[in-house]
Amino acid sequence: MVLIAGGDSFGRRLASSELYNPATGTFTSTGSMNTARYSHTATLLNNGLVLLAGGVGPKFRERPLACDSSGIGFQCAPPPGQRRADQARTFG
C-alpha cells in the first residue's frame, strides 16, 4: 500500500489522503489531515506510523503529523523547533 497525502491541485492545497494498492491498481479514500499542505515529506517509521513533516499550508509552514500506516487517523506530532517546507530527510 502507498499513502498519498495532501498536495496541490491547480493552486488549491489538499488535505485529503488516499491509499494506492499496486496489486489491484485501486485507490481508496482515507481520512484527511487537519490542514491542507504540499511540499511536505512522508517517512514510514519503525512503529508503522507515517510522519508527515513540514510543508506549505494555510499557516505557510505546517506542524508535523503522524498517521497509522493505513492512512486513517491523523494526529499532530509534537511541534518542531521551527516550521519548515522543502526540508530534506536523512536515514542513517
PDB file of N, CA and C in Angstrom:
ATOM      1  N   MET A   1       0.838  -1.182   0.000  1.00  0.00           N
ATOM      2  CA  MET A   1       0.000   0.000   0.000  1.00  0.00           C
ATOM      3  C   MET A   1       0.887   1.251   0.000  1.00  0.00           C
ATOM      4  N   VAL A   2       0.423   2.251  -0.702  1.00  0.00           N
ATOM      5  CA  VAL A   2       1.139   3.520  -0.799  1.00  0.00           C
ATOM      6  C   VAL A   2       0.206   4.621  -0.310  1.00  0.00           C
ATOM      7  N   LEU A   3       0.669   5.414   0.656  1.00  0.00           N
ATOM      8  CA  LEU A   3      -0.120   6.526   1.184  1.00  0.00           C
ATOM      9  C   LEU A   3       0.158   7.766   0.350  1.00  0.00           C
ATOM     10  N   ILE A   4      -0.905   8.383  -0.154  1.00  0.00           N
ATOM     11  CA  ILE A   4      -0.811   9.651  -0.882  1.00  0.00           C
ATOM     12  C   ILE A   4      -1.558  10.667  -0.036  1.00  0.00           C
ATOM     13  N   ALA A   5      -0.849  11.660   0.482  1.00  0.00           N
ATOM     14  CA  ALA A   5      -1.463  12.604   1.419  1.00  0.00           C
ATOM     15  C   ALA A   5      -1.152  14.030   1.008  1.00  0.00           C
ATOM     16  N   GLY A   6      -2.197  14.856   0.956  1.00  0.00           N
ATOM     17  CA  GLY A   6      -2.022  16.265   0.654  1.00  0.00           C
ATOM     18  C   GLY A   6      -1.590  16.504  -0.778  1.00  0.00           C
ATOM     19  N   GLY A   7      -1.021  17.673  -1.002  1.00  0.00           N
ATOM     20  CA  GLY A   7      -0.539  18.051  -2.320  1.00  0.00           C
ATOM     21  C   GLY A   7      -1.177  19.340  -2.784  1.00  0.00           C
ATOM     22  N   ASP A   8      -1.002  19.607  -4.073  1.00  0.00           N
ATOM     23  CA  ASP A   8      -1.522  20.814  -4.689  1.00  0.00           C
ATOM     24  C   ASP A   8      -2.249  20.416  -5.961  1.00  0.00           C
ATOM     25  N   SER A   9      -3.423  20.945  -6.159  1.00  0.00           N
ATOM     26  CA  SER A   9      -4.205  20.672  -7.361  1.00  0.00           C
ATOM     27  C   SER A   9      -4.570  22.003  -8.012  1.00  0.00           C
ATOM     28  N   PHE A  10      -3.779  22.417  -8.983  1.00  0.00           N
ATOM     29  CA  PHE A  10      -4.022  23.655  -9.717  1.00  0.00           C
ATOM     30  C   PHE A  10      -4.164  24.847  -8.773  1.00  0.00           C
ATOM     31  N   GLY A  11      -3.215  24.960  -7.822  1.00  0.00           N
ATOM     32  CA  GLY A  11      -3.201  26.083  -6.894  1.00  0.00           C
ATOM     33  C   GLY A  11      -4.057  25.909  -5.661  1.00  0.00           C
ATOM     34  N   ARG A  12      -4.743  24.792  -5.533  1.00  0.00           N
ATOM     35  CA  ARG A  12      -5.583  24.512  -4.355  1.00  0.00           C
ATOM     36  C   ARG A  12      -4.879  23.488  -3.478  1.00  0.00           C
ATOM     37  N   ARG A  13      -4.588  23.842  -2.237  1.00  0.00           N
ATOM     38  CA  ARG A  13      -3.941  22.912  -1.311  1.00  0.00           C
ATOM     39  C   ARG A  13      -4.928  21.829  -0.899  1.00  0.00           C
ATOM     40  N   LEU A  14      -4.419  20.609  -0.744  1.00  0.00           N
ATOM     41  CA  LEU A  14      -5.271  19.466  -0.418  1.00  0.00           C
ATOM     42  C   LEU A  14      -4.972  18.937   0.973  1.00  0.00           C
ATOM     43  N   ALA A  15      -6.020  18.515   1.691  1.00  0.00           N
ATOM     44  CA  ALA A  15      -5.879  17.853   2.987  1.00  0.00           C
ATOM     45  C   ALA A  15      -6.235  16.377   2.888  1.00  0.00           C
ATOM     46  N   SER A  16      -6.781  15.971   1.771  1.00  0.00           N
ATOM     47  CA  SER A  16      -7.256  14.598   1.619  1.00  0.00           C
ATOM     48  C   SER A  16      -6.097  13.616   1.479  1.00  0.00           C
ATOM     49  N   SER A  17      -6.399  12.348   1.708  1.00  0.00           N
ATOM     50  CA  SER A  17      -5.390  11.297   1.524  1.00  0.00           C
ATOM     51  C   SER A  17      -6.062  10.062   0.927  1.00  0.00           C
ATOM     52  N   GLU A  18      -5.256   9.281   0.245  1.00  0.00           N
ATOM     53  CA  GLU A  18      -5.723   8.043  -0.363  1.00  0.00           C
ATOM     54  C   GLU A  18      -4.662   6.970  -0.184  1.00  0.00           C
ATOM     55  N   LEU A  19      -5.103   5.731  -0.223  1.00  0.00           N
ATOM     56  CA  LEU A  19      -4.184   4.592  -0.247  1.00  0.00           C
ATOM     57  C   LEU A  19      -4.246   3.982  -1.641  1.00  0.00           C
ATOM     58  N   TYR A  20      -3.078   3.737  -2.207  1.00  0.00           N
ATOM     59  CA  TYR A  20      -2.996   3.082  -3.511  1.00  0.00           C
ATOM     60  C   TYR A  20      -2.522   1.650  -3.294  1.00  0.00           C
ATOM     61  N   ASN A  21      -3.247   0.703  -3.857  1.00  0.00           N
ATOM     62  CA  ASN A  21      -2.878  -0.708  -3.774  1.00  0.00           C
ATOM     63  C   ASN A  21      -2.296  -1.109  -5.126  1.00  0.00           C
ATOM     64  N   PRO A  22      -0.972  -1.273  -5.219  1.00  0.00           N
ATOM     65  CA  PRO A  22      -0.363  -1.605  -6.504  1.00  0.00           C
ATOM     66  C   PRO A  22      -0.761  -2.990  -7.019  1.00  0.00           C
ATOM     67  N   ALA A  23      -1.152  -3.881  -6.127  1.00  0.00           N
ATOM     68  CA  ALA A  23      -1.551  -5.228  -6.555  1.00  0.00           C
ATOM     69  C   ALA A  23      -2.858  -5.203  -7.342  1.00  0.00           C
ATOM     70  N   THR A  24      -3.766  -4.286  -6.946  1.00  0.00           N
ATOM     71  CA  THR A  24      -5.062  -4.220  -7.614  1.00  0.00           C
ATOM     72  C   THR A  24      -5.194  -2.996  -8.517  1.00  0.00           C
ATOM     73  N   GLY A  25      -4.269  -2.039  -8.368  1.00  0.00           N
ATOM     74  CA  GLY A  25      -4.337  -0.812  -9.154  1.00  0.00           C
ATOM     75  C   GLY A  25      -5.468   0.102  -8.740  1.00  0.00           C
ATOM     76  N   THR A  26      -5.904  -0.011  -7.471  1.00  0.00           N
ATOM     77  CA  THR A  26      -7.040   0.789  -6.999  1.00  0.00           C
ATOM     78  C   THR A  26      -6.616   1.795  -5.936  1.00  0.00           C
ATOM     79  N   PHE A  27      -7.387   2.880  -5.845  1.00  0.00           N
ATOM     80  CA  PHE A  27      -7.210   3.910  -4.829  1.00  0.00           C
ATOM     81  C   PHE A  27      -8.378   3.841  -3.866  1.00  0.00           C
ATOM     82  N   THR A  28      -8.110   4.025  -2.567  1.00  0.00           N
ATOM     83  CA  THR A  28      -9.149   4.064  -1.542  1.00  0.00           C
ATOM     84  C   THR A  28      -8.994   5.357  -0.762  1.00  0.00           C
ATOM     85  N   SER A  29     -10.063   6.133  -0.668  1.00  0.00           N
ATOM     86  CA  SER A  29     -10.033   7.370   0.098  1.00  0.00           C
ATOM     87  C   SER A  29      -9.924   7.040   1.583  1.00  0.00           C
ATOM     88  N   THR A  30      -9.099   7.805   2.305  1.00  0.00           N
ATOM     89  CA  THR A  30      -8.940   7.623   3.749  1.00  0.00           C
ATOM     90  C   THR A  30      -9.206   8.949   4.437  1.00  0.00           C
ATOM     91  N   GLY A  31      -8.802   9.091   5.669  1.00  0.00           N
ATOM     92  CA  GLY A  31      -9.045  10.317   6.418  1.00  0.00           C
ATOM     93  C   GLY A  31      -8.310  11.508   5.842  1.00  0.00           C
ATOM     94  N   SER A  32      -8.654  12.686   6.326  1.00  0.00           N
ATOM     95  CA  SER A  32      -7.999  13.915   5.892  1.00  0.00           C
ATOM     96  C   SER A  32      -7.117  14.463   7.003  1.00  0.00           C
ATOM     97  N   MET A  33      -6.078  15.180   6.602  1.00  0.00           N
ATOM     98  CA  MET A  33      -5.217  15.863   7.560  1.00  0.00           C
ATOM     99  C   MET A  33      -5.983  17.052   8.139  1.00  0.00           C
ATOM    100  N   ASN A  34      -5.547  17.551   9.296  1.00  0.00           N
ATOM    101  CA  ASN A  34      -6.253  18.680   9.904  1.00  0.00           C
ATOM    102  C   ASN A  34      -6.011  19.975   9.143  1.00  0.00           C
ATOM    103  N   THR A  35      -4.942  20.049   8.354  1.00  0.00           N
ATOM    104  CA  THR A  35      -4.694  21.205   7.498  1.00  0.00           C
ATOM    105  C   THR A  35      -4.188  20.720   6.149  1.00  0.00           C
ATOM    106  N   ALA A  36      -4.578  21.429   5.123  1.00  0.00           N
ATOM    107  CA  ALA A  36      -4.080  21.112   3.785  1.00  0.00           C
ATOM    108  C   ALA A  36      -2.606  21.506   3.710  1.00  0.00           C
ATOM    109  N   ARG A  37      -1.835  20.764   2.917  1.00  0.00           N
ATOM    110  CA  ARG A  37      -0.413  21.069   2.770  1.00  0.00           C
ATOM    111  C   ARG A  37       0.148  20.438   1.511  1.00  0.00           C
ATOM    112  N   TYR A  38       1.264  21.016   1.054  1.00  0.00           N
ATOM    113  CA  TYR A  38       2.049  20.429  -0.035  1.00  0.00           C
ATOM    114  C   TYR A  38       3.517  20.700   0.254  1.00  0.00           C
ATOM    115  N   SER A  39       4.403  20.090  -0.495  1.00  0.00           N
ATOM    116  CA  SER A  39       5.863  20.201  -0.306  1.00  0.00           C
ATOM    117  C   SER A  39       6.304  19.664   1.057  1.00  0.00           C
ATOM    118  N   HIS A  40       5.596  18.665   1.568  1.00  0.00           N
ATOM    119  CA  HIS A  40       5.977  18.026   2.823  1.00  0.00           C
ATOM    120  C   HIS A  40       6.673  16.695   2.508  1.00  0.00           C
ATOM    121  N   THR A  41       7.253  16.106   3.521  1.00  0.00           N
ATOM    122  CA  THR A  41       7.836  14.778   3.370  1.00  0.00           C
ATOM    123  C   THR A  41       6.996  13.778   4.134  1.00  0.00           C
ATOM    124  N   ALA A  42       7.026  12.534   3.693  1.00  0.00           N
ATOM    125  CA  ALA A  42       6.341  11.436   4.378  1.00  0.00           C
ATOM    126  C   ALA A  42       7.374  10.347   4.621  1.00  0.00           C
ATOM    127  N   THR A  43       7.510   9.936   5.870  1.00  0.00           N
ATOM    128  CA  THR A  43       8.507   8.937   6.243  1.00  0.00           C
ATOM    129  C   THR A  43       7.849   7.825   7.043  1.00  0.00           C
ATOM    130  N   LEU A  44       8.010   6.583   6.602  1.00  0.00           N
ATOM    131  CA  LEU A  44       7.500   5.424   7.344  1.00  0.00           C
ATOM    132  C   LEU A  44       8.444   5.139   8.501  1.00  0.00           C
ATOM    133  N   LEU A  45       7.894   5.175   9.717  1.00  0.00           N
ATOM    134  CA  LEU A  45       8.680   4.926  10.924  1.00  0.00           C
ATOM    135  C   LEU A  45       8.642   3.447  11.285  1.00  0.00           C
ATOM    136  N   ASN A  46       9.578   3.014  12.125  1.00  0.00           N
ATOM    137  CA  ASN A  46       9.665   1.603  12.531  1.00  0.00           C
ATOM    138  C   ASN A  46       8.408   1.100  13.230  1.00  0.00           C
ATOM    139  N   ASN A  47       7.661   1.996  13.882  1.00  0.00           N
ATOM    140  CA  ASN A  47       6.461   1.581  14.613  1.00  0.00           C
ATOM    141  C   ASN A  47       5.214   1.528  13.731  1.00  0.00           C
ATOM    142  N   GLY A  48       5.378   1.721  12.410  1.00  0.00           N
ATOM    143  CA  GLY A  48       4.253   1.645  11.490  1.00  0.00           C
ATOM    144  C   GLY A  48       3.563   2.968  11.241  1.00  0.00           C
ATOM    145  N   LEU A  49       3.897   4.004  12.012  1.00  0.00           N
ATOM    146  CA  LEU A  49       3.331   5.325  11.761  1.00  0.00           C
ATOM    147  C   LEU A  49       4.030   5.967  10.573  1.00  0.00           C
ATOM    148  N   VAL A  50       3.338   6.867   9.912  1.00  0.00           N
ATOM    149  CA  VAL A  50       3.923   7.670   8.845  1.00  0.00           C
ATOM    150  C   VAL A  50       4.014   9.093   9.371  1.00  0.00           C
ATOM    151  N   LEU A  51       5.216   9.666   9.360  1.00  0.00           N
ATOM    152  CA  LEU A  51       5.417  11.036   9.820  1.00  0.00           C
ATOM    153  C   LEU A  51       5.363  11.954   8.611  1.00  0.00           C
ATOM    154  N   LEU A  52       4.398  12.868   8.595  1.00  0.00           N
ATOM    155  CA  LEU A  52       4.301  13.893   7.559  1.00  0.00           C
ATOM    156  C   LEU A  52       4.876  15.166   8.152  1.00  0.00           C
ATOM    157  N   ALA A  53       5.991  15.622   7.614  1.00  0.00           N
ATOM    158  CA  ALA A  53       6.700  16.742   8.222  1.00  0.00           C
ATOM    159  C   ALA A  53       6.759  17.930   7.287  1.00  0.00           C
ATOM    160  N   GLY A  54       6.602  19.120   7.878  1.00  0.00           N
ATOM    161  CA  GLY A  54       6.747  20.358   7.134  1.00  0.00           C
ATOM    162  C   GLY A  54       5.654  20.548   6.105  1.00  0.00           C
ATOM    163  N   GLY A  55       6.001  21.271   5.089  1.00  0.00           N
ATOM    164  CA  GLY A  55       5.059  21.547   4.026  1.00  0.00           C
ATOM    165  C   GLY A  55       4.474  22.938   4.111  1.00  0.00           C
ATOM    166  N   VAL A  56       3.860  23.337   3.036  1.00  0.00           N
ATOM    167  CA  VAL A  56       3.240  24.656   2.938  1.00  0.00           C
ATOM    168  C   VAL A  56       1.735  24.475   3.048  1.00  0.00           C
ATOM    169  N   GLY A  57       1.122  25.240   3.928  1.00  0.00           N
ATOM    170  CA  GLY A  57      -0.318  25.175   4.133  1.00  0.00           C
ATOM    171  C   GLY A  57      -0.852  26.550   4.471  1.00  0.00           C
ATOM    172  N   PRO A  58      -2.012  26.613   5.105  1.00  0.00           N
ATOM    173  CA  PRO A  58      -2.605  27.911   5.440  1.00  0.00           C
ATOM    174  C   PRO A  58      -1.704  28.784   6.319  1.00  0.00           C
ATOM    175  N   LYS A  59      -0.922  28.155   7.186  1.00  0.00           N
ATOM    176  CA  LYS A  59      -0.016  28.913   8.055  1.00  0.00           C
ATOM    177  C   LYS A  59       1.389  28.941   7.458  1.00  0.00           C
ATOM    178  N   PHE A  60       1.500  28.746   6.172  1.00  0.00           N
ATOM    179  CA  PHE A  60       2.707  28.654   5.373  1.00  0.00           C
ATOM    180  C   PHE A  60       3.472  27.386   5.715  1.00  0.00           C
ATOM    181  N   ARG A  61       4.164  27.330   6.829  1.00  0.00           N
ATOM    182  CA  ARG A  61       4.890  26.107   7.179  1.00  0.00           C
ATOM    183  C   ARG A  61       4.114  25.411   8.290  1.00  0.00           C
ATOM    184  N   GLU A  62       3.836  24.140   8.083  1.00  0.00           N
ATOM    185  CA  GLU A  62       2.913  23.426   8.959  1.00  0.00           C
ATOM    186  C   GLU A  62       3.611  22.526   9.973  1.00  0.00           C
ATOM    187  N   ARG A  63       2.887  22.226  11.066  1.00  0.00           N
ATOM    188  CA  ARG A  63       3.365  21.298  12.089  1.00  0.00           C
ATOM    189  C   ARG A  63       3.378  19.887  11.540  1.00  0.00           C
ATOM    190  N   PRO A  64       4.259  19.018  12.065  1.00  0.00           N
ATOM    191  CA  PRO A  64       4.262  17.621  11.613  1.00  0.00           C
ATOM    192  C   PRO A  64       2.992  16.891  12.046  1.00  0.00           C
ATOM    193  N   LEU A  65       2.642  15.873  11.289  1.00  0.00           N
ATOM    194  CA  LEU A  65       1.524  14.997  11.614  1.00  0.00           C
ATOM    195  C   LEU A  65       2.027  13.567  11.616  1.00  0.00           C
ATOM    196  N   ALA A  66       1.389  12.724  12.408  1.00  0.00           N
ATOM    197  CA  ALA A  66       1.682  11.297  12.370  1.00  0.00           C
ATOM    198  C   ALA A  66       0.373  10.580  12.071  1.00  0.00           C
ATOM    199  N   CYS A  67       0.432   9.533  11.265  1.00  0.00           N
ATOM    200  CA  CYS A  67      -0.770   8.747  10.997  1.00  0.00           C
ATOM    201  C   CYS A  67      -0.377   7.278  10.961  1.00  0.00           C
ATOM    202  N   ASP A  68      -1.349   6.408  11.208  1.00  0.00           N
ATOM    203  CA  ASP A  68      -1.026   4.990  11.121  1.00  0.00           C
ATOM    204  C   ASP A  68      -0.825   4.624   9.657  1.00  0.00           C
ATOM    205  N   SER A  69      -0.183   3.507   9.404  1.00  0.00           N
ATOM    206  CA  SER A  69       0.200   3.146   8.041  1.00  0.00           C
ATOM    207  C   SER A  69      -0.993   2.841   7.148  1.00  0.00           C
ATOM    208  N   SER A  70      -2.199   2.732   7.715  1.00  0.00           N
ATOM    209  CA  SER A  70      -3.396   2.547   6.897  1.00  0.00           C
ATOM    210  C   SER A  70      -3.906   3.883   6.376  1.00  0.00           C
ATOM    211  N   GLY A  71      -3.315   4.986   6.856  1.00  0.00           N
ATOM    212  CA  GLY A  71      -3.741   6.308   6.415  1.00  0.00           C
ATOM    213  C   GLY A  71      -4.929   6.850   7.176  1.00  0.00           C
ATOM    214  N   ILE A  72      -5.401   6.119   8.164  1.00  0.00           N
ATOM    215  CA  ILE A  72      -6.580   6.543   8.924  1.00  0.00           C
ATOM    216  C   ILE A  72      -6.121   7.078  10.277  1.00  0.00           C
ATOM    217  N   GLY A  73      -6.627   8.217  10.664  1.00  0.00           N
ATOM    218  CA  GLY A  73      -6.342   8.737  11.992  1.00  0.00           C
ATOM    219  C   GLY A  73      -5.121   9.628  12.065  1.00  0.00           C
ATOM    220  N   PHE A  74      -5.179  10.812  11.484  1.00  0.00           N
ATOM    221  CA  PHE A  74      -4.082  11.772  11.569  1.00  0.00           C
ATOM    222  C   PHE A  74      -4.111  12.452  12.923  1.00  0.00           C
ATOM    223  N   GLN A  75      -2.949  12.683  13.491  1.00  0.00           N
ATOM    224  CA  GLN A  75      -2.849  13.421  14.739  1.00  0.00           C
ATOM    225  C   GLN A  75      -1.584  14.266  14.693  1.00  0.00           C
ATOM    226  N   CYS A  76      -1.603  15.398  15.379  1.00  0.00           N
ATOM    227  CA  CYS A  76      -0.424  16.262  15.389  1.00  0.00           C
ATOM    228  C   CYS A  76       0.685  15.626  16.214  1.00  0.00           C
ATOM    229  N   ALA A  77       1.875  15.709  15.693  1.00  0.00           N
ATOM    230  CA  ALA A  77       3.067  15.279  16.437  1.00  0.00           C
ATOM    231  C   ALA A  77       3.539  16.468  17.264  1.00  0.00           C
ATOM    232  N   PRO A  78       4.473  16.244  18.188  1.00  0.00           N
ATOM    233  CA  PRO A  78       5.000  17.391  18.951  1.00  0.00           C
ATOM    234  C   PRO A  78       5.565  18.443  17.995  1.00  0.00           C
ATOM    235  N   PRO A  79       5.375  19.722  18.315  1.00  0.00           N
ATOM    236  CA  PRO A  79       5.842  20.761  17.398  1.00  0.00           C
ATOM    237  C   PRO A  79       7.360  20.783  17.276  1.00  0.00           C
ATOM    238  N   PRO A  80       7.866  21.054  16.076  1.00  0.00           N
ATOM    239  CA  PRO A  80       9.307  21.163  15.887  1.00  0.00           C
ATOM    240  C   PRO A  80       9.789  22.514  16.386  1.00  0.00           C
ATOM    241  N   GLY A  81      11.098  22.693  16.424  1.00  0.00           N
ATOM    242  CA  GLY A  81      11.657  23.988  16.808  1.00  0.00           C
ATOM    243  C   GLY A  81      11.205  25.088  15.863  1.00  0.00           C
ATOM    244  N   GLN A  82      11.123  24.764  14.567  1.00  0.00           N
ATOM    245  CA  GLN A  82      10.679  25.734  13.576  1.00  0.00           C
ATOM    246  C   GLN A  82       9.779  25.046  12.567  1.00  0.00           C
ATOM    247  N   ARG A  83       8.836  25.777  12.026  1.00  0.00           N
ATOM    248  CA  ARG A  83       8.029  25.259  10.923  1.00  0.00           C
ATOM    249  C   ARG A  83       8.897  25.302   9.684  1.00  0.00           C
ATOM    250  N   ARG A  84       8.705  24.348   8.766  1.00  0.00           N
ATOM    251  CA  ARG A  84       9.557  24.310   7.581  1.00  0.00           C
ATOM    252  C   ARG A  84       8.839  23.703   6.393  1.00  0.00           C
ATOM    253  N   ALA A  85       9.411  23.934   5.226  1.00  0.00           N
ATOM    254  CA  ALA A  85       8.926  23.337   3.979  1.00  0.00           C
ATOM    255  C   ALA A  85      10.149  23.004   3.127  1.00  0.00           C
ATOM    256  N   ASP A  86       9.978  22.041   2.230  1.00  0.00           N
ATOM    257  CA  ASP A  86      11.044  21.602   1.333  1.00  0.00           C
ATOM    258  C   ASP A  86      12.282  21.123   2.084  1.00  0.00           C
ATOM    259  N   GLN A  87      12.072  20.523   3.254  1.00  0.00           N
ATOM    260  CA  GLN A  87      13.180  20.020   4.045  1.00  0.00           C
ATOM    261  C   GLN A  87      13.684  18.688   3.465  1.00  0.00           C
ATOM    262  N   ALA A  88      14.832  18.254   3.941  1.00  0.00           N
ATOM    263  CA  ALA A  88      15.433  17.000   3.491  1.00  0.00           C
ATOM    264  C   ALA A  88      15.224  15.921   4.548  1.00  0.00           C
ATOM    265  N   ARG A  89      15.272  14.652   4.107  1.00  0.00           N
ATOM    266  CA  ARG A  89      15.243  13.504   5.011  1.00  0.00           C
ATOM    267  C   ARG A  89      16.592  12.838   4.940  1.00  0.00           C
ATOM    268  N   THR A  90      17.057  12.312   6.065  1.00  0.00           N
ATOM    269  CA  THR A  90      18.309  11.569   6.089  1.00  0.00           C
ATOM    270  C   THR A  90      18.084  10.290   6.875  1.00  0.00           C
ATOM    271  N   PHE A  91      18.509   9.177   6.322  1.00  0.00           N
ATOM    272  CA  PHE A  91      18.409   7.891   7.004  1.00  0.00           C
ATOM    273  C   PHE A  91      19.816   7.434   7.343  1.00  0.00           C
ATOM    274  N   GLY A  92      19.975   6.927   8.577  1.00  0.00           N
ATOM    275  CA  GLY A  92      21.320   6.514   8.964  1.00  0.00           C
ATOM    276  C   GLY A  92      21.383   5.131   9.490  1.00  0.00           C
TER     277      GLY A  92
END
